[in-house]
Amino acid sequence: MKNRPVCLIIMDGYGLDKPSQINAISIAKKPNLDRILLNMALKL
């Protein structure tokens, strides 16, 4: 197995909820985090 860089990101207090106009996280422009969550996150 090849050694690869790893990044541990702890986002304490960062909540994910359904997108809506009152959800600041869902309406924010965050392309890098969106890409990470779409492609790499939650793979345990």
N, C-alpha and C. Protein backbone atom coordinates (compact mmCIF):
# COMPACT_ATOMS: atom_id res chain seq x y z
N MET A 1 0.82 -1.17 0.00
CA MET A 1 0.00 0.00 0.00
C MET A 1 0.88 1.24 0.00
N LYS A 2 0.56 2.18 -0.88
CA LYS A 2 1.33 3.40 -1.00
C LYS A 2 0.93 4.41 0.08
N ASN A 3 1.94 5.04 0.69
CA ASN A 3 1.66 6.08 1.67
C ASN A 3 1.16 7.33 0.96
N ARG A 4 0.06 7.88 1.46
CA ARG A 4 -0.52 9.09 0.88
C ARG A 4 -0.77 10.11 1.98
N PRO A 5 -0.76 11.39 1.63
CA PRO A 5 -1.04 12.40 2.63
C PRO A 5 -2.47 12.25 3.18
N VAL A 6 -2.62 12.55 4.43
CA VAL A 6 -3.92 12.47 5.09
C VAL A 6 -4.17 13.77 5.83
N CYS A 7 -5.41 14.20 5.83
CA CYS A 7 -5.78 15.42 6.53
C CYS A 7 -6.97 15.11 7.43
N LEU A 8 -6.84 15.36 8.72
CA LEU A 8 -7.94 15.20 9.66
C LEU A 8 -8.53 16.57 9.94
N ILE A 9 -9.79 16.74 9.61
CA ILE A 9 -10.46 18.03 9.81
C ILE A 9 -11.53 17.84 10.87
N ILE A 10 -11.39 18.56 11.97
CA ILE A 10 -12.38 18.52 13.04
C ILE A 10 -13.15 19.84 13.01
N MET A 11 -14.41 19.74 12.70
CA MET A 11 -15.24 20.93 12.58
C MET A 11 -16.29 20.91 13.69
N ASP A 12 -15.84 21.11 14.90
CA ASP A 12 -16.72 21.08 16.06
C ASP A 12 -17.74 22.21 15.97
N GLY A 13 -19.00 21.87 16.10
CA GLY A 13 -20.05 22.87 16.04
C GLY A 13 -20.57 23.17 14.66
N TYR A 14 -19.99 22.57 13.65
CA TYR A 14 -20.41 22.78 12.27
C TYR A 14 -21.54 21.82 11.98
N GLY A 15 -22.74 22.33 11.79
CA GLY A 15 -23.90 21.45 11.59
C GLY A 15 -24.31 21.37 10.15
N LEU A 16 -24.72 20.19 9.71
CA LEU A 16 -25.23 20.00 8.36
C LEU A 16 -26.72 19.71 8.45
N ASP A 17 -27.51 20.49 7.73
CA ASP A 17 -28.96 20.34 7.75
C ASP A 17 -29.47 20.50 6.33
N LYS A 18 -30.74 20.36 6.15
CA LYS A 18 -31.35 20.52 4.83
C LYS A 18 -31.11 21.95 4.33
N PRO A 19 -30.83 22.11 3.05
CA PRO A 19 -30.65 23.45 2.50
C PRO A 19 -31.92 24.29 2.63
N SER A 20 -31.74 25.54 3.01
CA SER A 20 -32.86 26.48 3.08
C SER A 20 -32.31 27.89 3.09
N GLN A 21 -33.17 28.86 2.95
CA GLN A 21 -32.76 30.27 2.93
C GLN A 21 -32.29 30.76 4.30
N ILE A 22 -32.63 30.06 5.37
CA ILE A 22 -32.19 30.48 6.70
C ILE A 22 -30.99 29.66 7.21
N ASN A 23 -30.50 28.76 6.38
CA ASN A 23 -29.35 27.94 6.74
C ASN A 23 -28.10 28.57 6.13
N ALA A 24 -27.35 29.31 6.95
CA ALA A 24 -26.18 30.04 6.45
C ALA A 24 -25.14 29.13 5.83
N ILE A 25 -24.98 27.95 6.36
CA ILE A 25 -23.98 27.02 5.83
C ILE A 25 -24.37 26.55 4.43
N SER A 26 -25.64 26.27 4.22
CA SER A 26 -26.05 25.75 2.90
C SER A 26 -26.01 26.83 1.82
N ILE A 27 -26.19 28.11 2.18
CA ILE A 27 -26.18 29.15 1.15
C ILE A 27 -24.81 29.81 0.97
N ALA A 28 -23.86 29.47 1.82
CA ALA A 28 -22.51 30.04 1.70
C ALA A 28 -21.80 29.48 0.46
N LYS A 29 -20.91 30.26 -0.09
CA LYS A 29 -20.08 29.81 -1.21
C LYS A 29 -18.84 29.16 -0.62
N LYS A 30 -18.77 27.85 -0.72
CA LYS A 30 -17.68 27.06 -0.14
C LYS A 30 -17.33 25.91 -1.08
N PRO A 31 -16.77 26.20 -2.25
CA PRO A 31 -16.55 25.16 -3.26
C PRO A 31 -15.61 24.05 -2.80
N ASN A 32 -14.60 24.37 -2.04
CA ASN A 32 -13.67 23.32 -1.61
C ASN A 32 -14.32 22.37 -0.63
N LEU A 33 -15.04 22.90 0.34
CA LEU A 33 -15.72 22.04 1.31
C LEU A 33 -16.81 21.22 0.63
N ASP A 34 -17.55 21.83 -0.29
CA ASP A 34 -18.58 21.08 -1.02
C ASP A 34 -17.96 19.91 -1.79
N ARG A 35 -16.81 20.15 -2.42
CA ARG A 35 -16.13 19.08 -3.16
C ARG A 35 -15.68 17.97 -2.23
N ILE A 36 -15.14 18.35 -1.08
CA ILE A 36 -14.68 17.35 -0.11
C ILE A 36 -15.86 16.52 0.39
N LEU A 37 -16.94 17.17 0.76
CA LEU A 37 -18.10 16.44 1.27
C LEU A 37 -18.71 15.54 0.21
N LEU A 38 -18.70 15.98 -1.03
CA LEU A 38 -19.27 15.19 -2.11
C LEU A 38 -18.41 13.97 -2.44
N ASN A 39 -17.09 14.12 -2.44
CA ASN A 39 -16.20 13.07 -2.94
C ASN A 39 -15.49 12.24 -1.88
N MET A 40 -15.26 12.80 -0.71
CA MET A 40 -14.35 12.12 0.21
C MET A 40 -14.89 11.90 1.61
N ALA A 41 -15.84 12.67 2.05
CA ALA A 41 -16.26 12.60 3.43
C ALA A 41 -17.17 11.41 3.70
N LEU A 42 -17.25 11.06 4.95
CA LEU A 42 -18.15 10.02 5.44
C LEU A 42 -17.86 8.64 4.87
N LYS A 43 -16.62 8.40 4.51
CA LYS A 43 -16.23 7.07 4.04
C LYS A 43 -15.44 6.40 5.16
N LEU A 44 -16.15 5.71 6.01
CA LEU A 44 -15.52 5.04 7.15
C LEU A 44 -15.33 3.58 6.88
